[in-house]
Amino acid sequence: MIACRKTVTVEDPDRIVLSGLPFRRGQRVEIVMIAEDERPARDSRTLRSVLKATQRKAASRPVSEKQIAEEIAAYRAGR
């Protein structure tokens, strides 16, 4: 199988032109189109706020080495 990645900017939503492809005439190919996500900045801000909230919760309730060992044992035991 030959894989080929091309990145293009859509000028006309009814037509996309690809050129210089490594395929021969008549060869069947599968086309998969994935749009770039236009929201990464917002998503990263959301992730940061969730992580900060999680860190605040952990700081307000310290966990002992014994509790960590018990949690690991419970996980390994399938509980």
Protein backbone atom coordinates (compact mmCIF):
# COMPACT_ATOMS: atom_id res chain seq x y z
CA MET A 1 0.00 0.00 0.00
CA ILE A 2 1.27 3.46 -0.88
CA ALA A 3 0.29 6.28 1.45
CA CYS A 4 0.44 9.91 0.40
CA ARG A 5 -0.30 12.96 2.53
CA LYS A 6 -1.18 16.30 0.97
CA THR A 7 -2.23 19.45 2.76
CA VAL A 8 -4.32 21.90 0.79
CA THR A 9 -6.36 25.01 1.49
CA VAL A 10 -9.94 24.75 0.26
CA GLU A 11 -10.60 27.52 -2.22
CA ASP A 12 -13.89 26.10 -3.53
CA PRO A 13 -15.88 23.76 -1.23
CA ASP A 14 -17.24 21.96 -4.30
CA ARG A 15 -13.84 21.01 -5.69
CA ILE A 16 -10.36 20.12 -4.42
CA VAL A 17 -7.52 19.63 -6.89
CA LEU A 18 -4.61 17.33 -6.00
CA SER A 19 -1.59 17.10 -8.25
CA GLY A 20 1.75 15.31 -8.24
CA LEU A 21 0.34 12.13 -6.69
CA PRO A 22 2.33 8.86 -6.72
CA PHE A 23 -0.49 6.79 -8.25
CA ARG A 24 -0.95 5.41 -11.75
CA ARG A 25 -3.90 6.05 -14.02
CA GLY A 26 -6.81 3.72 -13.22
CA GLN A 27 -5.50 2.77 -9.78
CA ARG A 28 -8.18 2.77 -7.09
CA VAL A 29 -7.42 4.93 -4.06
CA GLU A 30 -9.27 5.76 -0.87
CA ILE A 31 -9.56 9.45 -0.02
CA VAL A 32 -9.83 10.51 3.62
CA MET A 33 -10.21 14.21 4.39
CA ILE A 34 -9.63 15.56 7.88
CA ALA A 35 -10.12 19.26 8.59
CA GLU A 36 -7.68 20.94 10.94
CA ASP A 37 -9.23 21.72 14.28
CA GLU A 38 -9.78 25.45 14.62
CA ARG A 39 -10.20 25.30 18.41
CA PRO A 40 -6.87 24.14 19.89
CA ALA A 41 -6.30 27.34 21.88
CA ARG A 42 -9.67 27.07 23.63
CA ASP A 43 -9.18 23.36 24.28
CA SER A 44 -5.76 23.94 25.81
CA ARG A 45 -7.18 26.68 28.07
CA THR A 46 -9.92 24.27 29.17
CA LEU A 47 -7.36 21.55 29.88
CA ARG A 48 -5.21 23.96 31.89
CA SER A 49 -8.16 25.03 34.04
CA VAL A 50 -9.12 21.40 34.70
CA LEU A 51 -5.53 20.55 35.65
CA LYS A 52 -5.31 23.53 38.00
CA ALA A 53 -8.57 22.54 39.70
CA THR A 54 -7.32 18.97 40.07
CA GLN A 55 -4.04 20.17 41.55
CA ARG A 56 -5.87 22.36 44.06
CA LYS A 57 -7.96 19.37 45.20
CA ALA A 58 -4.88 17.19 45.63
CA ALA A 59 -3.12 19.89 47.67
CA SER A 60 -6.07 20.23 50.02
CA ARG A 61 -6.13 16.49 50.75
CA PRO A 62 -2.65 15.02 51.14
CA VAL A 63 -2.20 11.33 50.33
CA SER A 64 0.08 9.16 52.43
CA GLU A 65 2.47 6.49 51.16
CA LYS A 66 0.25 3.91 52.88
CA GLN A 67 -2.83 5.12 50.97
CA ILE A 68 -0.92 4.95 47.69
CA ALA A 69 0.22 1.39 48.44
CA GLU A 70 -3.35 0.37 49.36
CA GLU A 71 -4.67 1.89 46.12
CA ILE A 72 -2.09 0.03 44.06
CA ALA A 73 -2.88 -3.23 45.84
CA ALA A 74 -6.62 -2.74 45.25
CA TYR A 75 -6.02 -2.01 41.56
CA ARG A 76 -3.86 -5.10 41.14
CA ALA A 77 -6.48 -7.20 42.92
CA GLY A 78 -9.13 -5.94 40.49
CA ARG A 79 -11.13 -3.99 43.06
